[in-house]
Protein backbone atom coordinates (compact mmCIF):
# COMPACT_ATOMS: atom_id res chain seq x y z
CA MET A 1 8.77 17.01 -41.36
CA ALA A 2 6.39 15.33 -38.77
CA THR A 3 7.48 12.14 -37.17
CA GLU A 4 5.61 10.22 -34.92
CA ILE A 5 6.47 9.62 -31.09
CA LYS A 6 5.50 6.21 -29.83
CA ALA A 7 5.57 4.85 -26.24
CA PRO A 8 8.26 2.12 -25.42
CA VAL A 9 8.69 -0.77 -26.01
CA PHE A 10 7.24 -2.39 -22.86
CA PRO A 11 8.70 -6.05 -21.52
CA GLU A 12 6.72 -9.11 -21.43
CA SER A 13 5.47 -8.54 -18.05
CA VAL A 14 3.78 -5.01 -18.67
CA ALA A 15 0.63 -5.14 -20.99
CA ASP A 16 0.33 -1.32 -20.95
CA GLY A 17 0.92 1.78 -19.34
CA THR A 18 -0.73 5.07 -18.58
CA ILE A 19 0.37 8.86 -19.48
CA ALA A 20 1.01 10.10 -16.27
CA THR A 21 2.65 13.54 -17.16
CA TRP A 22 3.00 15.27 -20.43
CA HIS A 23 5.55 17.86 -19.33
CA LYS A 24 5.88 19.19 -23.06
CA GLN A 25 2.51 21.07 -24.93
CA PRO A 26 1.96 21.28 -28.55
CA GLY A 27 3.75 24.25 -29.96
CA GLU A 28 6.82 24.15 -27.06
CA ALA A 29 10.03 23.85 -28.08
CA VAL A 30 12.38 20.98 -26.74
CA SER A 31 15.65 19.61 -26.81
CA ARG A 32 17.02 16.49 -28.24
CA ASP A 33 16.80 13.72 -25.45
CA GLU A 34 14.49 16.00 -23.37
CA VAL A 35 11.78 14.27 -21.85
CA ILE A 36 8.50 15.17 -22.77
CA CYS A 37 6.30 12.29 -21.57
CA ASP A 38 6.51 10.09 -18.58
CA ILE A 39 4.11 7.04 -18.99
CA GLU A 40 3.54 4.88 -15.58
CA THR A 41 3.26 0.90 -15.65
CA ASP A 42 2.30 -0.87 -12.94
CA LYS A 43 6.36 -1.21 -11.82
CA VAL A 44 8.12 1.44 -13.18
CA VAL A 45 7.73 4.64 -14.80
CA LEU A 46 9.11 5.41 -18.22
CA GLU A 47 10.51 8.02 -19.69
CA VAL A 48 9.37 9.49 -23.40
CA VAL A 49 12.19 11.49 -25.15
CA ALA A 50 12.50 13.95 -27.78
CA PRO A 51 14.13 12.42 -30.94
CA ALA A 52 15.54 16.08 -32.06
CA ASP A 53 15.36 19.29 -31.71
CA GLY A 54 11.75 20.56 -32.76
CA THR A 55 8.04 21.19 -31.26
CA ILE A 56 5.60 18.74 -30.50
CA ALA A 57 2.83 19.15 -33.28
CA SER A 58 0.13 17.85 -31.35
CA ILE A 59 -0.74 15.13 -28.50
CA ILE A 60 -2.74 11.99 -29.52
CA LYS A 61 -2.80 10.26 -26.05
CA ASN A 62 -3.37 12.65 -23.12
CA GLU A 63 -2.95 12.10 -19.47
CA GLY A 64 -5.09 9.22 -18.22
CA ASP A 65 -5.16 7.72 -21.28
CA THR A 66 -4.18 3.85 -21.29
CA VAL A 67 -1.25 3.17 -24.00
CA LEU A 68 0.08 0.05 -25.48
CA SER A 69 3.55 -1.21 -26.01
CA SER A 70 5.05 1.40 -29.32
CA GLU A 71 1.64 2.89 -29.73
CA VAL A 72 1.85 6.09 -30.96
CA ILE A 73 1.14 9.05 -28.59
CA ALA A 74 2.14 12.47 -30.42
CA GLN A 75 3.49 13.89 -33.00
CA PHE A 76 6.50 15.43 -33.56
CA GLU A 77 7.77 18.52 -36.14
CA GLU A 78 11.60 18.20 -36.08
CA GLY A 79 13.90 21.57 -36.37
CA ALA A 80 10.56 23.75 -35.99
CA VAL A 81 12.04 24.93 -33.06
CA ALA A 82 10.69 29.55 -33.91
CA SER A 83 7.17 27.92 -34.24
CA ALA A 84 6.41 28.88 -30.85
CA ALA A 85 7.49 32.25 -30.64
CA PRO A 86 4.54 33.72 -32.44
CA ALA A 87 2.31 32.47 -30.14
CA VAL A 88 4.16 33.86 -27.23
CA GLU A 89 4.44 37.18 -29.17
CA ALA A 90 0.74 36.78 -29.72
CA LYS A 91 0.24 36.64 -26.02
CA VAL A 92 2.09 39.20 -24.98
CA GLU A 93 0.20 41.54 -27.24
CA GLN A 94 -2.85 40.47 -26.34
CA ALA A 95 -1.80 41.27 -22.47
CA ALA A 96 -1.00 44.53 -23.68
CA ALA A 97 -3.97 45.71 -25.42
CA GLN A 98 -5.89 44.52 -22.91
CA THR A 99 -4.38 46.53 -20.39
CA GLN A 100 -4.52 49.71 -22.19
CA ALA A 101 -7.81 49.23 -23.03
CA GLY A 102 -8.33 48.94 -18.84
CA ALA A 103 -8.95 45.05 -18.57
CA ALA A 104 -7.08 42.82 -16.15
CA PRO A 105 -4.29 41.42 -18.59
CA VAL A 106 -5.06 37.78 -18.73
CA VAL A 107 -2.42 35.56 -16.98
CA GLU A 108 -1.90 32.04 -18.07
CA ARG A 109 -1.04 30.07 -15.15
CA ALA A 110 0.82 26.52 -15.73
CA HIS A 111 -0.87 23.13 -15.31
CA VAL A 112 0.48 21.02 -12.66
CA THR A 113 1.07 18.31 -14.68
CA ASP A 114 3.74 20.78 -16.36
CA GLN A 115 5.68 21.09 -13.28
CA ALA A 116 8.34 18.81 -11.92
CA PRO A 117 7.65 16.49 -9.88
CA ALA A 118 8.29 17.75 -6.11
CA VAL A 119 6.30 20.86 -7.51
CA ARG A 120 3.57 18.69 -8.06
CA LYS A 121 3.70 16.59 -4.84
CA ALA A 122 3.91 20.08 -2.76
CA LEU A 123 0.60 21.44 -4.48
CA THR A 124 -0.79 17.88 -3.56
CA GLU A 125 0.00 17.96 -0.27
CA SER A 126 -1.06 21.86 0.69
CA GLY A 127 -4.12 21.20 -1.38
CA ILE A 128 -3.63 24.07 -3.55
CA THR A 129 -4.15 24.24 -7.58
CA ALA A 130 -1.81 25.52 -9.98
CA THR A 131 -3.77 27.82 -11.21
CA ASP A 132 -3.65 29.54 -7.78
CA VAL A 133 0.22 30.02 -7.56
CA ALA A 134 1.90 32.53 -9.82
CA GLY A 135 4.76 30.61 -11.45
CA THR A 136 8.31 32.81 -11.21
CA GLY A 137 10.47 30.05 -12.71
CA ARG A 138 11.13 29.41 -16.79
CA GLY A 139 8.75 29.93 -18.65
CA GLY A 140 6.22 30.97 -15.78
CA ARG A 141 6.65 27.40 -14.20
CA ILE A 142 5.75 26.99 -10.67
CA THR A 143 8.99 26.16 -8.02
CA LYS A 144 8.13 24.98 -5.07
CA GLU A 145 9.15 28.46 -3.45
CA ASP A 146 6.19 29.80 -5.07
CA VAL A 147 4.08 26.97 -3.19
CA ALA A 148 5.53 27.86 -0.15
CA ASN A 149 5.07 31.49 -0.45
CA HIS A 150 1.43 31.31 -1.45
CA GLN A 151 0.93 28.80 1.85
CA THR A 152 1.66 32.32 3.63
CA LYS A 153 0.22 34.52 1.97
CA PRO A 154 -3.47 36.11 3.31
CA ALA A 155 -6.43 35.00 1.70
CA VAL A 156 -8.17 37.50 -0.62
CA ALA A 157 -11.17 36.68 0.65
CA PRO A 158 -11.90 33.99 3.81
CA LEU A 159 -13.36 30.58 2.70
CA SER A 160 -16.74 30.74 4.06
CA VAL A 161 -17.32 26.79 5.63
CA ALA A 162 -20.85 25.64 7.22
CA VAL A 163 -19.98 24.78 11.00
CA GLY A 164 -19.45 21.20 11.08
CA GLU A 165 -18.59 20.25 7.24
CA ARG A 166 -16.02 17.77 6.77
CA ILE A 167 -14.03 18.10 3.56
CA GLU A 168 -13.06 14.78 1.81
CA LYS A 169 -10.33 14.36 -1.27
CA ARG A 170 -10.92 12.18 -3.91
CA VAL A 171 -7.45 11.03 -5.48
CA PRO A 172 -7.34 8.13 -8.51
CA MET A 173 -4.83 5.28 -7.40
CA THR A 174 -1.55 5.41 -9.39
CA ARG A 175 -0.91 1.93 -11.32
CA LEU A 176 1.80 1.10 -9.19
CA ARG A 177 -0.10 1.32 -6.29
CA LYS A 178 -3.22 -0.49 -7.60
CA ARG A 179 -0.71 -3.32 -8.66
CA VAL A 180 0.97 -3.50 -4.96
CA ALA A 181 -2.42 -3.90 -3.68
CA GLU A 182 -3.46 -6.69 -6.23
CA ARG A 183 -0.25 -8.51 -5.02
CA LEU A 184 -0.83 -8.25 -1.60
CA LEU A 185 -4.32 -9.07 -1.77
CA ALA A 186 -3.49 -12.37 -3.71
CA ALA A 187 -0.85 -12.78 -1.30
CA THR A 188 -3.07 -13.21 1.65
CA GLN A 189 -5.59 -15.38 -0.21
CA GLU A 190 -3.59 -17.43 -2.06
CA THR A 191 -0.86 -18.75 -0.09
CA ALA A 192 -0.71 -20.45 3.69
CA MET A 193 0.96 -17.42 4.99
CA LEU A 194 1.95 -17.48 8.81
CA THR A 195 4.61 -15.84 10.81
CA THR A 196 6.96 -16.81 13.34
CA PHE A 197 9.13 -14.08 15.94
CA ASN A 198 12.44 -13.76 17.35
CA GLU A 199 14.41 -11.16 18.61
CA VAL A 200 18.22 -10.60 18.40
CA ASN A 201 20.71 -8.60 20.59
CA MET A 202 22.20 -6.03 18.41
CA LYS A 203 25.01 -4.55 20.51
CA PRO A 204 27.50 -6.90 18.83
CA ILE A 205 27.01 -5.86 15.46
CA MET A 206 26.85 -1.55 16.97
CA GLU A 207 29.78 -2.42 18.67
CA MET A 208 31.49 -3.71 15.62
CA ARG A 209 29.74 -1.53 13.31
CA ASN A 210 30.85 1.66 15.72
CA GLN A 211 34.54 0.28 15.52
CA TYR A 212 35.11 -0.22 11.83
CA LYS A 213 32.85 2.01 10.50
CA ASP A 214 35.22 5.17 9.96
CA ALA A 215 37.94 2.32 8.57
CA PHE A 216 35.12 0.66 6.65
CA GLU A 217 33.81 3.80 5.01
CA LYS A 218 37.79 5.00 4.48
CA ARG A 219 38.57 1.36 2.38
CA HIS A 220 35.39 1.07 0.77
CA GLY A 221 33.88 4.49 0.19
CA ALA A 222 30.49 3.21 1.93
CA ARG A 223 28.84 3.68 5.06
CA LEU A 224 28.73 0.34 7.14
CA GLY A 225 25.35 -0.35 7.95
CA PHE A 226 23.06 -2.68 9.67
CA MET A 227 21.22 -3.84 6.54
CA SER A 228 24.48 -5.72 4.99
CA PHE A 229 24.87 -7.86 8.12
CA PHE A 230 21.28 -8.96 7.66
CA VAL A 231 21.41 -9.68 3.91
CA LYS A 232 24.52 -11.52 4.21
CA ALA A 233 23.09 -13.81 7.62
CA ALA A 234 19.91 -14.19 5.39
CA THR A 235 21.92 -15.79 2.77
CA GLU A 236 23.94 -17.95 5.02
CA ALA A 237 21.03 -19.22 6.34
CA LEU A 238 19.06 -19.69 3.03
CA LYS A 239 22.26 -22.15 2.52
CA ARG A 240 21.38 -23.96 5.26
CA TYR A 241 17.26 -23.92 4.81
CA PRO A 242 16.70 -24.44 1.17
CA ALA A 243 13.32 -24.24 1.04
CA VAL A 244 12.94 -20.89 2.30
CA ASN A 245 15.13 -19.84 -1.00
CA ALA A 246 12.43 -21.81 -3.28
CA SER A 247 8.97 -20.82 -4.53
CA ILE A 248 6.06 -22.56 -5.73
CA ASP A 249 5.11 -23.53 -9.49
CA GLY A 250 1.86 -25.03 -9.65
CA ASP A 251 2.41 -28.65 -8.83
CA ASP A 252 5.77 -27.82 -8.61
CA ILE A 253 8.57 -26.50 -6.13
CA VAL A 254 11.35 -25.00 -7.54
CA TYR A 255 14.90 -24.87 -5.63
CA HIS A 256 16.79 -21.85 -6.75
CA GLY A 257 20.38 -22.54 -6.61
CA PHE A 258 21.34 -18.68 -6.36
CA TYR A 259 20.46 -15.88 -3.47
CA ASP A 260 18.71 -12.73 -5.35
CA ILE A 261 17.42 -10.79 -2.20
CA GLY A 262 15.24 -8.39 -2.86
CA VAL A 263 15.32 -5.27 -0.16
CA ALA A 264 11.92 -3.22 0.06
CA VAL A 265 12.13 0.15 -0.58
CA SER A 266 9.32 3.36 0.13
CA SER A 267 9.13 5.29 -2.30
CA ASP A 268 6.58 8.19 -3.14
CA ARG A 269 4.99 6.09 -5.87
CA GLY A 270 4.59 3.49 -3.45
CA LEU A 271 6.84 0.18 -2.03
CA VAL A 272 9.49 -1.19 -4.70
CA VAL A 273 11.71 -4.06 -3.97
CA PRO A 274 14.86 -3.85 -6.12
CA VAL A 275 16.80 -7.04 -6.25
CA LEU A 276 20.30 -7.91 -5.52
CA ARG A 277 22.16 -10.54 -7.29
CA ASP A 278 24.06 -13.35 -6.30
CA THR A 279 24.38 -12.00 -2.78
CA ASP A 280 26.62 -15.43 -1.91
CA ARG A 281 29.34 -13.40 -3.91
CA MET A 282 28.93 -10.03 -3.16
CA ASN A 283 31.22 -8.77 0.28
CA TYR A 284 29.55 -6.08 2.51
CA ALA A 285 30.86 -2.99 0.75
CA GLU A 286 28.74 -4.18 -2.58
CA VAL A 287 25.77 -4.53 -0.86
CA GLU A 288 25.46 -1.50 0.88
CA ASN A 289 26.93 0.24 -2.32
CA GLY A 290 23.99 -1.58 -4.41
CA ILE A 291 21.37 -0.84 -1.47
CA ARG A 292 22.32 2.77 -1.24
CA ALA A 293 22.23 3.28 -5.28
CA TYR A 294 18.59 1.14 -5.15
CA ALA A 295 17.28 3.51 -2.90
CA GLY A 296 18.61 6.55 -4.80
CA LYS A 297 17.13 5.40 -7.67
CA ALA A 298 13.70 4.62 -5.94
CA ARG A 299 13.59 8.67 -4.97
CA GLU A 300 13.99 9.46 -8.40
CA GLY A 301 11.62 7.13 -10.09
CA LYS A 302 14.65 5.77 -12.02
CA LEU A 303 14.18 1.90 -10.88
CA SER A 304 14.17 0.02 -14.21
CA ILE A 305 11.89 -3.23 -14.85
CA GLU A 306 15.30 -5.45 -13.89
CA ASP A 307 15.99 -4.03 -11.23
CA MET A 308 12.76 -5.27 -9.70
CA THR A 309 12.57 -8.82 -11.46
CA GLY A 310 13.26 -11.83 -9.68
CA GLY A 311 14.19 -12.29 -6.41
CA THR A 312 14.18 -15.78 -4.29
CA PHE A 313 14.01 -13.96 -0.65
CA THR A 314 12.97 -10.67 0.50
CA ILE A 315 13.61 -8.34 3.38
CA THR A 316 11.85 -5.40 4.69
CA ASN A 317 12.81 -2.57 7.52
CA GLY A 318 10.11 -1.37 9.17
CA GLY A 319 12.06 0.07 11.67
CA THR A 320 13.26 3.00 9.93
CA PHE A 321 9.52 3.94 10.55
CA GLY A 322 9.25 2.99 14.05
CA SER A 323 7.91 -0.15 13.73
CA LEU A 324 8.49 -2.45 17.16
CA LEU A 325 6.58 -5.06 15.43
CA SER A 326 4.54 -5.83 12.42
CA THR A 327 3.73 -9.25 10.21
CA PRO A 328 5.22 -8.67 6.46
CA ILE A 329 2.94 -10.39 3.79
CA LEU A 330 4.89 -12.52 1.08
CA ASN A 331 6.21 -11.03 -2.07
CA THR A 332 4.88 -14.08 -4.29
CA PRO A 333 6.03 -16.15 -5.65
CA GLN A 334 8.71 -15.76 -3.07
CA THR A 335 7.77 -18.03 -0.16
CA ALA A 336 9.38 -15.97 2.93
CA ILE A 337 10.37 -12.73 4.25
CA LEU A 338 11.83 -10.93 6.62
CA GLY A 339 10.92 -8.27 8.58
CA MET A 340 13.48 -6.39 10.67
CA HIS A 341 11.85 -4.05 13.30
CA LYS A 342 13.13 -0.52 15.55
CA ILE A 343 15.90 -1.24 17.96
CA GLN A 344 14.75 -0.79 21.44
CA ASP A 345 16.49 -0.57 24.82
CA ARG A 346 15.19 -3.24 26.91
CA PRO A 347 15.98 -5.12 30.10
CA MET A 348 17.10 -8.61 29.45
CA ALA A 349 17.91 -11.32 31.72
CA VAL A 350 21.96 -12.77 31.17
CA ASN A 351 23.42 -15.11 33.11
CA GLY A 352 21.06 -14.50 36.02
CA GLN A 353 21.61 -10.78 35.99
CA VAL A 354 19.17 -8.29 34.10
CA GLU A 355 20.86 -5.72 31.45
CA ILE A 356 19.60 -3.13 29.38
CA LEU A 357 20.29 -4.43 25.83
CA PRO A 358 19.58 -2.95 22.48
CA MET A 359 16.89 -5.46 21.42
CA MET A 360 14.97 -5.94 17.51
CA TYR A 361 12.07 -7.87 17.08
CA LEU A 362 12.80 -10.43 13.91
CA ALA A 363 9.48 -11.65 12.04
CA LEU A 364 9.73 -14.48 9.36
CA SER A 365 6.56 -14.83 7.43
CA TYR A 366 6.38 -17.90 5.16
CA ASP A 367 4.39 -20.60 3.13
CA HIS A 368 3.43 -22.99 5.24
CA ARG A 369 2.54 -25.16 1.70
CA LEU A 370 6.26 -25.51 1.39
CA ILE A 371 8.18 -24.61 4.54
CA ASP A 372 7.46 -26.62 7.44
CA GLY A 373 7.16 -24.77 10.51
CA LYS A 374 10.23 -26.22 12.26
CA GLU A 375 12.31 -24.96 8.98
CA ALA A 376 11.04 -21.20 9.73
CA VAL A 377 11.79 -21.35 13.07
CA GLY A 378 14.96 -23.07 12.26
CA PHE A 379 15.70 -19.91 9.33
CA LEU A 380 15.31 -17.72 11.69
CA VAL A 381 16.98 -19.01 14.99
CA THR A 382 20.28 -19.31 12.26
CA ILE A 383 19.73 -15.23 11.48
CA LYS A 384 19.59 -14.86 15.13
CA GLU A 385 23.16 -16.69 15.91
CA LEU A 386 24.65 -15.10 13.16
CA LEU A 387 24.23 -11.43 14.07
CA GLU A 388 24.24 -11.97 17.73
CA GLU A 389 28.08 -13.62 17.02
CA PRO A 390 28.97 -11.76 13.92
CA ALA A 391 32.68 -13.82 13.57
CA ARG A 392 30.12 -16.78 12.51
CA LEU A 393 29.77 -14.69 9.52
CA ILE A 394 33.39 -14.27 8.71
CA LEU A 395 34.16 -18.06 9.69
CA ASP A 396 31.46 -19.62 7.91
CA LEU A 397 30.29 -21.40 11.36
């Protein structure tokens, strides 16, 4: 009996989505709860799973089509798992007949959208189309090894390119990338954004980390990184400067009595900002575990809308990519964002002597409509002091 497969119910903040990938095609057998389709929204990728064992009868919404919440995207035949066999046998018989007749057998190559995300990425980066690669995986699917092996093979016929010809590649922008672009552009146009800078001596934090990282990991099962110190220092600074933790709503200023800090994470699909809730109640291990869990979900495309909803302040770390200095853009409606950067050994004057110290530039971008320069500088200096004297964080000084 045919049943309808519908798009998930989108949250109120998501108007619609786009069919990103059909993992199964009409006639293919699927198992209950197997992912058959990915729907990309401007925030997350939602997976559609098979309601039972059966086959895809027909696809109503193709890749690239826009879908609304709960809209029908396909027809499903429950229990009709054997229907795919005749089609496979027919293809085998057709290939055998053509071989006997002296014709080259027809070899069907899997479409790029049938492949796993890692394979699609490898194909895109290499500039190879799926039809060029012979898949050795299950059901003729292409593996990453197939892509790598294809790249190492000599070309059958050299491609003739005119001297001086320059090649361009045009790909559609993903929904997430478009949404990020819209938000960043709006932040620069709709806020009075200003950035103030300072620098912090990371030697005390590095010494403490080196001294206790093994015991910390043994006790809490989490690696002690630098981000937890910054999250806790920022939380304490937000308590002292409430305007930095506030937001503007029309003509009103909303002061938040809680501390939800977003941590910017780079993923294959673009920049995402999952939120750590109530960081004032979290210990260092909980912060580290929370960040690690979010980073894993971001790599796998498993972040939910709830993971990224809200947030009163954001921290972004360009230092992981080697950035020495930058001006981060506000994550509206928040009014401030802290930018971390690369730790660099530099000669510094300490008590009249020159010392080589591991220094990091800090950047605080803020909305000047709400936060005055005095508050912004005071907030950043507080973070600097707490990091350079970690005992202040523990003793609440």
